[in-house]
Amino acid sequence: TGPAVGMGVGQALLVLLAAGAVTPAKDPLLNVCMDAKHHKTKPGPEGMLHDQCAPWKDNACCTANTTAEAHRDQSNLYNFNWNHCGLMPPKCKRHFIQDTCLYECSPNLGPWIDQTDSSWRRERILHVPLCKEDCEEWWEDCKDYTTCKENWHKGWNWATGTNRCPWGSMCRPFSHVFPRPKDLCEKIWSNSYKYTTERRGSGLCIQMWFDPAQGNPNAVVAKYYAWKKRDSTALTETVTPKTNKAECPLPWSVLVLLPLVLAVVPEQAGGCGSHGWGSL
């Protein structure tokens, strides 16, 4: 019975090997949270998120407390004051709240996460393709508000513990500081966003605004750009000189089980000897 048992065990292990070889690994660009100040380590459901952040409650990188702070005029999240050039109109402020909700809560920004050397976060987002309507409505609702800076990420006067306009700067209408919607979306947060001509529902741009009853449209967008990023990376990989094919390492499960398979599978079943991998 020894050979039969060996054959049975060997066959079982071969099945495990096959499963390990075809099971795709978790994509590190999908369903992830960035390593930043208030983000959770991994996304998950939240019982309730505050007001404008509620669309992300089924799968979020933020907590309820973070979303409540996101709606305050001077939030404890970053001690940032929206009203640095007078009171920001509600129709304008709602876009900045939604921007904060997307940044803090979305698990679908993986393809655009980038390393940063900031003292308060290790990762940021860069060149997220924002839908045309999101960017243009943001600009339209804020064009008459005033600000003293083009880049809100840096250069403020923090002497009082909150952001104030730098000495010598003047408050000017948004439409002067940001002449076009593209200027607003790309410049205000150091190129965190990229203006696109793609529209909501196209599957090619990230939406700040969406109806959660219809599902989160950004999950499909993230998958598309993750695929593009992988495809682009594959084109630059080193090819094996003899076969002219890209090298493909075996999954870890195959490498772990391989010695055991070779030990118990009888010689008649073939191994990684003279018959090579074709006999397996």
C-alpha atoms as a PDB file:
ATOM      1  CA  THR A   1       0.000   0.000   0.000  1.00  0.00           C
ATOM      2  CA  GLY A   2       3.001   2.271   0.337  1.00  0.00           C
ATOM      3  CA  PRO A   3       3.230   3.248  -3.357  1.00  0.00           C
ATOM      4  CA  ALA A   4      -0.548   3.702  -3.542  1.00  0.00           C
ATOM      5  CA  VAL A   5      -0.536   5.992  -0.524  1.00  0.00           C
ATOM      6  CA  GLY A   6       2.396   7.866  -1.944  1.00  0.00           C
ATOM      7  CA  MET A   7       0.630   8.244  -5.249  1.00  0.00           C
ATOM      8  CA  GLY A   8      -2.536   9.493  -3.497  1.00  0.00           C
ATOM      9  CA  VAL A   9      -0.671  12.042  -1.430  1.00  0.00           C
ATOM     10  CA  GLY A  10       1.298  13.092  -4.464  1.00  0.00           C
ATOM     11  CA  GLN A  11      -1.846  13.623  -6.506  1.00  0.00           C
ATOM     12  CA  ALA A  12      -3.416  15.654  -3.700  1.00  0.00           C
ATOM     13  CA  LEU A  13      -0.364  17.862  -3.490  1.00  0.00           C
ATOM     14  CA  LEU A  14      -0.356  18.301  -7.250  1.00  0.00           C
ATOM     15  CA  VAL A  15      -3.920  19.581  -7.028  1.00  0.00           C
ATOM     16  CA  LEU A  16      -2.807  22.065  -4.377  1.00  0.00           C
ATOM     17  CA  LEU A  17       0.070  23.122  -6.580  1.00  0.00           C
ATOM     18  CA  ALA A  18      -2.238  23.671  -9.515  1.00  0.00           C
ATOM     19  CA  ALA A  19      -4.600  25.723  -7.381  1.00  0.00           C
ATOM     20  CA  GLY A  20      -1.723  27.834  -6.134  1.00  0.00           C
ATOM     21  CA  ALA A  21      -0.496  28.382  -9.652  1.00  0.00           C
ATOM     22  CA  VAL A  22      -3.806  29.680 -10.974  1.00  0.00           C
ATOM     23  CA  THR A  23      -5.148  31.569  -7.945  1.00  0.00           C
ATOM     24  CA  PRO A  24      -4.478  35.262  -8.562  1.00  0.00           C
ATOM     25  CA  ALA A  25      -2.726  37.209  -5.843  1.00  0.00           C
ATOM     26  CA  LYS A  26      -4.510  40.155  -4.228  1.00  0.00           C
ATOM     27  CA  ASP A  27      -3.897  43.264  -6.288  1.00  0.00           C
ATOM     28  CA  PRO A  28      -1.991  45.753  -4.077  1.00  0.00           C
ATOM     29  CA  LEU A  29      -3.527  48.661  -6.013  1.00  0.00           C
ATOM     30  CA  LEU A  30      -7.139  47.742  -5.282  1.00  0.00           C
ATOM     31  CA  ASN A  31      -9.264  48.162  -2.161  1.00  0.00           C
ATOM     32  CA  VAL A  32      -6.489  49.778  -0.121  1.00  0.00           C
ATOM     33  CA  CYS A  33      -6.005  52.710   2.221  1.00  0.00           C
ATOM     34  CA  MET A  34      -3.037  55.027   1.961  1.00  0.00           C
ATOM     35  CA  ASP A  35      -0.590  55.408   4.818  1.00  0.00           C
ATOM     36  CA  ALA A  36      -1.598  58.886   5.995  1.00  0.00           C
ATOM     37  CA  LYS A  37      -2.593  60.759   9.131  1.00  0.00           C
ATOM     38  CA  HIS A  38      -6.191  59.632   9.713  1.00  0.00           C
ATOM     39  CA  HIS A  39      -6.650  56.629   7.427  1.00  0.00           C
ATOM     40  CA  LYS A  40      -7.487  53.154   8.672  1.00  0.00           C
ATOM     41  CA  THR A  41      -4.924  50.448   7.872  1.00  0.00           C
ATOM     42  CA  LYS A  42      -7.418  48.675   5.627  1.00  0.00           C
ATOM     43  CA  PRO A  43     -10.899  49.482   4.320  1.00  0.00           C
ATOM     44  CA  GLY A  44     -14.056  48.057   5.791  1.00  0.00           C
ATOM     45  CA  PRO A  45     -17.690  48.858   6.599  1.00  0.00           C
ATOM     46  CA  GLU A  46     -18.601  51.659   8.981  1.00  0.00           C
ATOM     47  CA  GLY A  47     -21.974  51.735  10.719  1.00  0.00           C
ATOM     48  CA  MET A  48     -22.445  55.404   9.950  1.00  0.00           C
ATOM     49  CA  LEU A  49     -20.447  58.151   8.286  1.00  0.00           C
ATOM     50  CA  HIS A  50     -21.368  61.808   8.603  1.00  0.00           C
ATOM     51  CA  ASP A  51     -23.510  63.566   6.000  1.00  0.00           C
ATOM     52  CA  GLN A  52     -21.587  63.992   2.713  1.00  0.00           C
ATOM     53  CA  CYS A  53     -19.209  61.123   3.514  1.00  0.00           C
ATOM     54  CA  ALA A  54     -22.076  58.628   3.912  1.00  0.00           C
ATOM     55  CA  PRO A  55     -21.714  57.152   0.378  1.00  0.00           C
ATOM     56  CA  TRP A  56     -18.535  55.369   1.530  1.00  0.00           C
ATOM     57  CA  LYS A  57     -19.999  53.742   4.656  1.00  0.00           C
ATOM     58  CA  ASP A  58     -20.137  50.217   3.159  1.00  0.00           C
ATOM     59  CA  ASN A  59     -16.391  50.158   2.532  1.00  0.00           C
ATOM     60  CA  ALA A  60     -14.335  53.029   3.896  1.00  0.00           C
ATOM     61  CA  CYS A  61     -10.813  54.031   4.861  1.00  0.00           C
ATOM     62  CA  CYS A  62     -12.207  56.615   7.308  1.00  0.00           C
ATOM     63  CA  THR A  63     -13.994  56.521  10.653  1.00  0.00           C
ATOM     64  CA  ALA A  64     -17.188  58.277  11.715  1.00  0.00           C
ATOM     65  CA  ASN A  65     -15.174  60.741  13.793  1.00  0.00           C
ATOM     66  CA  THR A  66     -12.987  61.671  10.845  1.00  0.00           C
ATOM     67  CA  THR A  67     -16.036  62.396   8.689  1.00  0.00           C
ATOM     68  CA  ALA A  68     -17.661  64.521  11.397  1.00  0.00           C
ATOM     69  CA  GLU A  69     -14.499  66.630  11.606  1.00  0.00           C
ATOM     70  CA  ALA A  70     -14.417  66.949   7.818  1.00  0.00           C
ATOM     71  CA  HIS A  71     -17.640  68.986   7.970  1.00  0.00           C
ATOM     72  CA  ARG A  72     -16.385  71.575  10.452  1.00  0.00           C
ATOM     73  CA  ASP A  73     -15.284  75.076   9.357  1.00  0.00           C
ATOM     74  CA  GLN A  74     -12.000  74.632  11.199  1.00  0.00           C
ATOM     75  CA  SER A  75     -11.407  70.937  11.495  1.00  0.00           C
ATOM     76  CA  ASN A  76      -9.189  69.232  14.022  1.00  0.00           C
ATOM     77  CA  LEU A  77      -8.026  66.937  11.222  1.00  0.00           C
ATOM     78  CA  TYR A  78      -5.418  69.423   9.984  1.00  0.00           C
ATOM     79  CA  ASN A  79      -6.321  72.697  11.787  1.00  0.00           C
ATOM     80  CA  PHE A  80      -7.213  74.040   8.359  1.00  0.00           C
ATOM     81  CA  ASN A  81      -9.487  77.073   8.114  1.00  0.00           C
ATOM     82  CA  TRP A  82     -11.618  77.303   4.973  1.00  0.00           C
ATOM     83  CA  ASN A  83     -12.533  80.891   5.864  1.00  0.00           C
ATOM     84  CA  HIS A  84      -9.067  82.386   5.480  1.00  0.00           C
ATOM     85  CA  CYS A  85     -10.401  85.134   3.162  1.00  0.00           C
ATOM     86  CA  GLY A  86     -13.810  85.636   4.688  1.00  0.00           C
ATOM     87  CA  LEU A  87     -16.703  83.224   5.046  1.00  0.00           C
ATOM     88  CA  MET A  88     -16.703  80.513   2.383  1.00  0.00           C
ATOM     89  CA  PRO A  89     -20.203  80.214   0.843  1.00  0.00           C
ATOM     90  CA  PRO A  90     -21.969  76.886   1.574  1.00  0.00           C
ATOM     91  CA  LYS A  91     -22.280  76.057  -2.142  1.00  0.00           C
ATOM     92  CA  CYS A  92     -18.491  76.276  -2.419  1.00  0.00           C
ATOM     93  CA  LYS A  93     -17.678  74.645   0.893  1.00  0.00           C
ATOM     94  CA  ARG A  94     -19.639  71.494   0.049  1.00  0.00           C
ATOM     95  CA  HIS A  95     -17.112  70.713  -2.691  1.00  0.00           C
ATOM     96  CA  PHE A  96     -14.202  70.959  -0.267  1.00  0.00           C
ATOM     97  CA  ILE A  97     -16.069  68.702   2.157  1.00  0.00           C
ATOM     98  CA  GLN A  98     -16.660  66.200  -0.634  1.00  0.00           C
ATOM     99  CA  ASP A  99     -13.016  66.429  -1.644  1.00  0.00           C
ATOM    100  CA  THR A 100     -12.060  65.632   1.957  1.00  0.00           C
ATOM    101  CA  CYS A 101     -14.495  62.709   2.085  1.00  0.00           C
ATOM    102  CA  LEU A 102     -13.013  61.227  -1.088  1.00  0.00           C
ATOM    103  CA  TYR A 103      -9.462  61.638   0.192  1.00  0.00           C
ATOM    104  CA  GLU A 104     -10.115  60.258   3.680  1.00  0.00           C
ATOM    105  CA  CYS A 105     -12.649  57.534   2.872  1.00  0.00           C
ATOM    106  CA  SER A 106     -12.102  56.116  -0.608  1.00  0.00           C
ATOM    107  CA  PRO A 107     -10.539  52.625  -0.910  1.00  0.00           C
ATOM    108  CA  ASN A 108     -10.313  53.139  -4.684  1.00  0.00           C
ATOM    109  CA  LEU A 109      -7.321  55.464  -4.993  1.00  0.00           C
ATOM    110  CA  GLY A 110      -4.630  52.774  -5.039  1.00  0.00           C
ATOM    111  CA  PRO A 111      -3.427  53.320  -8.620  1.00  0.00           C
ATOM    112  CA  TRP A 112      -2.531  56.920  -7.723  1.00  0.00           C
ATOM    113  CA  ILE A 113      -0.953  56.457  -4.290  1.00  0.00           C
ATOM    114  CA  ASP A 114       2.551  57.901  -4.241  1.00  0.00           C
ATOM    115  CA  GLN A 115       5.314  58.003  -1.635  1.00  0.00           C
ATOM    116  CA  THR A 116       5.939  61.293   0.141  1.00  0.00           C
ATOM    117  CA  ASP A 117       8.441  62.539   2.701  1.00  0.00           C
ATOM    118  CA  SER A 118       5.943  64.622   4.670  1.00  0.00           C
ATOM    119  CA  SER A 119       6.189  64.667   8.461  1.00  0.00           C
ATOM    120  CA  TRP A 120       2.503  63.741   8.851  1.00  0.00           C
ATOM    121  CA  ARG A 121       1.998  61.103   6.162  1.00  0.00           C
ATOM    122  CA  ARG A 122       4.032  58.569   4.214  1.00  0.00           C
ATOM    123  CA  GLU A 123       1.766  58.427   1.180  1.00  0.00           C
ATOM    124  CA  ARG A 124      -0.352  60.822  -0.867  1.00  0.00           C
ATOM    125  CA  ILE A 125      -2.395  60.726  -4.053  1.00  0.00           C
ATOM    126  CA  LEU A 126      -1.036  62.080  -7.328  1.00  0.00           C
ATOM    127  CA  HIS A 127      -2.808  62.785 -10.644  1.00  0.00           C
ATOM    128  CA  VAL A 128      -6.150  61.173  -9.768  1.00  0.00           C
ATOM    129  CA  PRO A 129      -8.252  61.620 -12.954  1.00  0.00           C
ATOM    130  CA  LEU A 130     -11.229  63.615 -11.742  1.00  0.00           C
ATOM    131  CA  CYS A 131     -14.442  63.580 -13.770  1.00  0.00           C
ATOM    132  CA  LYS A 132     -15.137  66.681 -15.848  1.00  0.00           C
ATOM    133  CA  GLU A 133     -18.386  67.526 -14.032  1.00  0.00           C
ATOM    134  CA  ASP A 134     -16.814  67.254 -10.581  1.00  0.00           C
ATOM    135  CA  CYS A 135     -14.070  69.692 -11.462  1.00  0.00           C
ATOM    136  CA  GLU A 136     -16.194  72.174 -13.393  1.00  0.00           C
ATOM    137  CA  GLU A 137     -18.998  72.292 -10.823  1.00  0.00           C
ATOM    138  CA  TRP A 138     -16.413  72.823  -8.075  1.00  0.00           C
ATOM    139  CA  TRP A 139     -14.965  75.782  -9.957  1.00  0.00           C
ATOM    140  CA  GLU A 140     -18.381  77.208 -10.876  1.00  0.00           C
ATOM    141  CA  ASP A 141     -19.628  77.147  -7.274  1.00  0.00           C
ATOM    142  CA  CYS A 142     -16.423  78.663  -5.881  1.00  0.00           C
ATOM    143  CA  LYS A 143     -15.435  81.181  -8.582  1.00  0.00           C
ATOM    144  CA  ASP A 144     -16.766  84.178  -6.620  1.00  0.00           C
ATOM    145  CA  TYR A 145     -15.157  83.195  -3.314  1.00  0.00           C
ATOM    146  CA  THR A 146     -11.770  84.713  -2.534  1.00  0.00           C
ATOM    147  CA  THR A 147      -8.436  83.184  -1.638  1.00  0.00           C
ATOM    148  CA  CYS A 148      -4.860  84.379  -1.293  1.00  0.00           C
ATOM    149  CA  LYS A 149      -3.082  81.242  -2.488  1.00  0.00           C
ATOM    150  CA  GLU A 150      -2.948  78.956  -5.496  1.00  0.00           C
ATOM    151  CA  ASN A 151      -1.431  75.949  -3.716  1.00  0.00           C
ATOM    152  CA  TRP A 152      -3.208  75.189  -0.451  1.00  0.00           C
ATOM    153  CA  HIS A 153      -0.818  72.420   0.525  1.00  0.00           C
ATOM    154  CA  LYS A 154       2.006  74.715   1.604  1.00  0.00           C
ATOM    155  CA  GLY A 155       3.185  78.269   2.165  1.00  0.00           C
ATOM    156  CA  TRP A 156       0.639  79.363   4.791  1.00  0.00           C
ATOM    157  CA  ASN A 157       1.342  81.451   7.860  1.00  0.00           C
ATOM    158  CA  TRP A 158       0.848  78.985  10.744  1.00  0.00           C
ATOM    159  CA  ALA A 159       1.974  81.355  13.529  1.00  0.00           C
ATOM    160  CA  THR A 160      -1.408  81.129  15.266  1.00  0.00           C
ATOM    161  CA  GLY A 161      -1.713  77.350  14.900  1.00  0.00           C
ATOM    162  CA  THR A 162      -4.084  77.554  11.955  1.00  0.00           C
ATOM    163  CA  ASN A 163      -3.557  78.599   8.368  1.00  0.00           C
ATOM    164  CA  ARG A 164      -3.584  82.287   7.570  1.00  0.00           C
ATOM    165  CA  CYS A 165      -2.619  84.131   4.407  1.00  0.00           C
ATOM    166  CA  PRO A 166       1.128  84.720   4.032  1.00  0.00           C
ATOM    167  CA  TRP A 167       2.348  88.231   4.831  1.00  0.00           C
ATOM    168  CA  GLY A 168       1.932  90.544   1.879  1.00  0.00           C
ATOM    169  CA  SER A 169      -0.543  88.319   0.025  1.00  0.00           C
ATOM    170  CA  MET A 170      -3.947  89.587  -1.097  1.00  0.00           C
ATOM    171  CA  CYS A 171      -7.332  87.909  -1.213  1.00  0.00           C
ATOM    172  CA  ARG A 172      -8.548  87.629  -4.817  1.00  0.00           C
ATOM    173  CA  PRO A 173     -11.513  85.919  -6.479  1.00  0.00           C
ATOM    174  CA  PHE A 174     -11.101  82.247  -7.243  1.00  0.00           C
ATOM    175  CA  SER A 175     -11.657  83.048 -10.914  1.00  0.00           C
ATOM    176  CA  HIS A 176      -8.485  85.180 -10.850  1.00  0.00           C
ATOM    177  CA  VAL A 177      -6.356  82.727  -8.882  1.00  0.00           C
ATOM    178  CA  PHE A 178      -7.734  79.767 -10.845  1.00  0.00           C
ATOM    179  CA  PRO A 179      -8.770  81.061 -14.304  1.00  0.00           C
ATOM    180  CA  ARG A 180     -10.034  77.642 -15.438  1.00  0.00           C
ATOM    181  CA  PRO A 181     -11.520  74.568 -13.722  1.00  0.00           C
ATOM    182  CA  LYS A 182      -8.344  72.691 -14.681  1.00  0.00           C
ATOM    183  CA  ASP A 183      -6.253  75.205 -12.693  1.00  0.00           C
ATOM    184  CA  LEU A 184      -8.350  74.704  -9.582  1.00  0.00           C
ATOM    185  CA  CYS A 185      -8.380  70.917  -9.624  1.00  0.00           C
ATOM    186  CA  GLU A 186      -4.717  70.452 -10.452  1.00  0.00           C
ATOM    187  CA  LYS A 187      -3.044  73.286  -8.565  1.00  0.00           C
ATOM    188  CA  ILE A 188      -4.920  73.610  -5.286  1.00  0.00           C
ATOM    189  CA  TRP A 189      -3.583  70.350  -3.809  1.00  0.00           C
ATOM    190  CA  SER A 190      -0.199  70.017  -5.577  1.00  0.00           C
ATOM    191  CA  ASN A 191      -1.452  67.880  -8.483  1.00  0.00           C
ATOM    192  CA  SER A 192      -3.390  65.442  -6.327  1.00  0.00           C
ATOM    193  CA  TYR A 193      -6.023  65.600  -9.060  1.00  0.00           C
ATOM    194  CA  LYS A 194      -5.807  65.694 -12.829  1.00  0.00           C
ATOM    195  CA  TYR A 195      -8.466  67.427 -14.900  1.00  0.00           C
ATOM    196  CA  THR A 196     -10.022  65.157 -17.525  1.00  0.00           C
ATOM    197  CA  THR A 197     -12.694  65.460 -20.202  1.00  0.00           C
ATOM    198  CA  GLU A 198     -14.126  62.095 -19.143  1.00  0.00           C
ATOM    199  CA  ARG A 199     -17.638  62.205 -17.727  1.00  0.00           C
ATOM    200  CA  ARG A 200     -19.300  60.580 -14.743  1.00  0.00           C
ATOM    201  CA  GLY A 201     -20.328  57.022 -15.489  1.00  0.00           C
ATOM    202  CA  SER A 202     -17.674  56.568 -18.183  1.00  0.00           C
ATOM    203  CA  GLY A 203     -15.609  54.226 -16.026  1.00  0.00           C
ATOM    204  CA  LEU A 204     -12.551  56.327 -16.858  1.00  0.00           C
ATOM    205  CA  CYS A 205     -12.597  58.990 -14.134  1.00  0.00           C
ATOM    206  CA  ILE A 206     -12.975  59.213 -10.366  1.00  0.00           C
ATOM    207  CA  GLN A 207     -16.205  60.711  -9.048  1.00  0.00           C
ATOM    208  CA  MET A 208     -16.297  62.792  -5.896  1.00  0.00           C
ATOM    209  CA  TRP A 209     -20.099  62.724  -6.075  1.00  0.00           C
ATOM    210  CA  PHE A 210     -22.117  59.535  -6.609  1.00  0.00           C
ATOM    211  CA  ASP A 211     -25.343  57.849  -5.531  1.00  0.00           C
ATOM    212  CA  PRO A 212     -24.470  54.980  -3.160  1.00  0.00           C
ATOM    213  CA  ALA A 213     -27.735  53.243  -4.061  1.00  0.00           C
ATOM    214  CA  GLN A 214     -26.181  52.614  -7.475  1.00  0.00           C
ATOM    215  CA  GLY A 215     -22.934  51.309  -5.973  1.00  0.00           C
ATOM    216  CA  ASN A 216     -19.529  52.976  -5.882  1.00  0.00           C
ATOM    217  CA  PRO A 217     -18.509  53.694  -9.516  1.00  0.00           C
ATOM    218  CA  ASN A 218     -14.898  54.314  -8.526  1.00  0.00           C
ATOM    219  CA  ALA A 219     -14.203  50.610  -7.894  1.00  0.00           C
ATOM    220  CA  VAL A 220     -14.423  49.882 -11.637  1.00  0.00           C
ATOM    221  CA  VAL A 221     -12.304  52.940 -12.447  1.00  0.00           C
ATOM    222  CA  ALA A 222      -9.581  51.791 -10.038  1.00  0.00           C
ATOM    223  CA  LYS A 223      -9.572  48.324 -11.649  1.00  0.00           C
ATOM    224  CA  TYR A 224      -9.164  49.843 -15.096  1.00  0.00           C
ATOM    225  CA  TYR A 225      -6.230  52.058 -14.112  1.00  0.00           C
ATOM    226  CA  ALA A 226      -4.624  49.275 -12.059  1.00  0.00           C
ATOM    227  CA  TRP A 227      -4.735  47.115 -15.203  1.00  0.00           C
ATOM    228  CA  LYS A 228      -3.236  49.940 -17.263  1.00  0.00           C
ATOM    229  CA  LYS A 229      -0.477  50.419 -14.718  1.00  0.00           C
ATOM    230  CA  ARG A 230       0.354  46.698 -14.681  1.00  0.00           C
ATOM    231  CA  ASP A 231       0.255  46.565 -18.471  1.00  0.00           C
ATOM    232  CA  SER A 232       2.598  49.522 -18.700  1.00  0.00           C
ATOM    233  CA  THR A 233       4.974  47.951 -16.179  1.00  0.00           C
ATOM    234  CA  ALA A 234       4.951  44.640 -18.043  1.00  0.00           C
ATOM    235  CA  LEU A 235       6.177  46.346 -21.210  1.00  0.00           C
ATOM    236  CA  THR A 236       9.290  47.527 -19.405  1.00  0.00           C
ATOM    237  CA  GLU A 237      10.131  44.215 -17.690  1.00  0.00           C
ATOM    238  CA  THR A 238      13.324  42.388 -18.638  1.00  0.00           C
ATOM    239  CA  VAL A 239      12.730  39.589 -21.143  1.00  0.00           C
ATOM    240  CA  THR A 240      14.552  36.282 -20.975  1.00  0.00           C
ATOM    241  CA  PRO A 241      17.178  36.264 -23.775  1.00  0.00           C
ATOM    242  CA  LYS A 242      16.656  32.638 -24.921  1.00  0.00           C
ATOM    243  CA  THR A 243      12.861  32.526 -24.951  1.00  0.00           C
ATOM    244  CA  ASN A 244      12.094  36.218 -25.529  1.00  0.00           C
ATOM    245  CA  LYS A 245       9.393  35.891 -22.859  1.00  0.00           C
ATOM    246  CA  ALA A 246       9.087  37.771 -19.605  1.00  0.00           C
ATOM    247  CA  GLU A 247      10.174  35.773 -16.588  1.00  0.00           C
ATOM    248  CA  CYS A 248       7.255  34.594 -14.440  1.00  0.00           C
ATOM    249  CA  PRO A 249       8.210  33.472 -10.906  1.00  0.00           C
ATOM    250  CA  LEU A 250       6.232  30.604  -9.379  1.00  0.00           C
ATOM    251  CA  PRO A 251       3.682  31.440  -6.676  1.00  0.00           C
ATOM    252  CA  TRP A 252       4.932  31.053  -3.116  1.00  0.00           C
ATOM    253  CA  SER A 253       2.513  28.158  -2.502  1.00  0.00           C
ATOM    254  CA  VAL A 254       4.156  26.210  -5.335  1.00  0.00           C
ATOM    255  CA  LEU A 255       7.642  26.878  -3.994  1.00  0.00           C
ATOM    256  CA  VAL A 256       6.675  25.811  -0.449  1.00  0.00           C
ATOM    257  CA  LEU A 257       5.008  22.555  -1.514  1.00  0.00           C
ATOM    258  CA  LEU A 258       7.451  21.580  -4.247  1.00  0.00           C
ATOM    259  CA  PRO A 259       9.977  19.734  -2.017  1.00  0.00           C
ATOM    260  CA  LEU A 260       7.168  17.687  -0.461  1.00  0.00           C
ATOM    261  CA  VAL A 261       5.779  16.755  -3.858  1.00  0.00           C
ATOM    262  CA  LEU A 262       9.161  15.642  -5.096  1.00  0.00           C
ATOM    263  CA  ALA A 263       9.647  13.559  -1.942  1.00  0.00           C
ATOM    264  CA  VAL A 264       6.373  11.604  -2.104  1.00  0.00           C
ATOM    265  CA  VAL A 265       5.489  11.370  -5.798  1.00  0.00           C
ATOM    266  CA  PRO A 266       6.886   8.095  -7.178  1.00  0.00           C
ATOM    267  CA  GLU A 267       9.366   8.326  -9.970  1.00  0.00           C
ATOM    268  CA  GLN A 268       6.802   6.868 -12.358  1.00  0.00           C
ATOM    269  CA  ALA A 269       4.630   9.990 -11.915  1.00  0.00           C
ATOM    270  CA  GLY A 270       7.434  12.180 -13.167  1.00  0.00           C
ATOM    271  CA  GLY A 271       9.158  15.014 -11.387  1.00  0.00           C
ATOM    272  CA  CYS A 272      11.432  17.862 -12.135  1.00  0.00           C
ATOM    273  CA  GLY A 273      14.113  15.533 -13.393  1.00  0.00           C
ATOM    274  CA  SER A 274      14.731  14.463 -16.962  1.00  0.00           C
ATOM    275  CA  HIS A 275      11.037  14.827 -17.845  1.00  0.00           C
ATOM    276  CA  GLY A 276      10.928  18.435 -16.666  1.00  0.00           C
ATOM    277  CA  TRP A 277       7.798  20.396 -15.720  1.00  0.00           C
ATOM    278  CA  GLY A 278       5.874  18.928 -18.662  1.00  0.00           C
ATOM    279  CA  SER A 279       5.370  15.637 -16.791  1.00  0.00           C
ATOM    280  CA  LEU A 280       3.715  17.377 -13.875  1.00  0.00           C
END
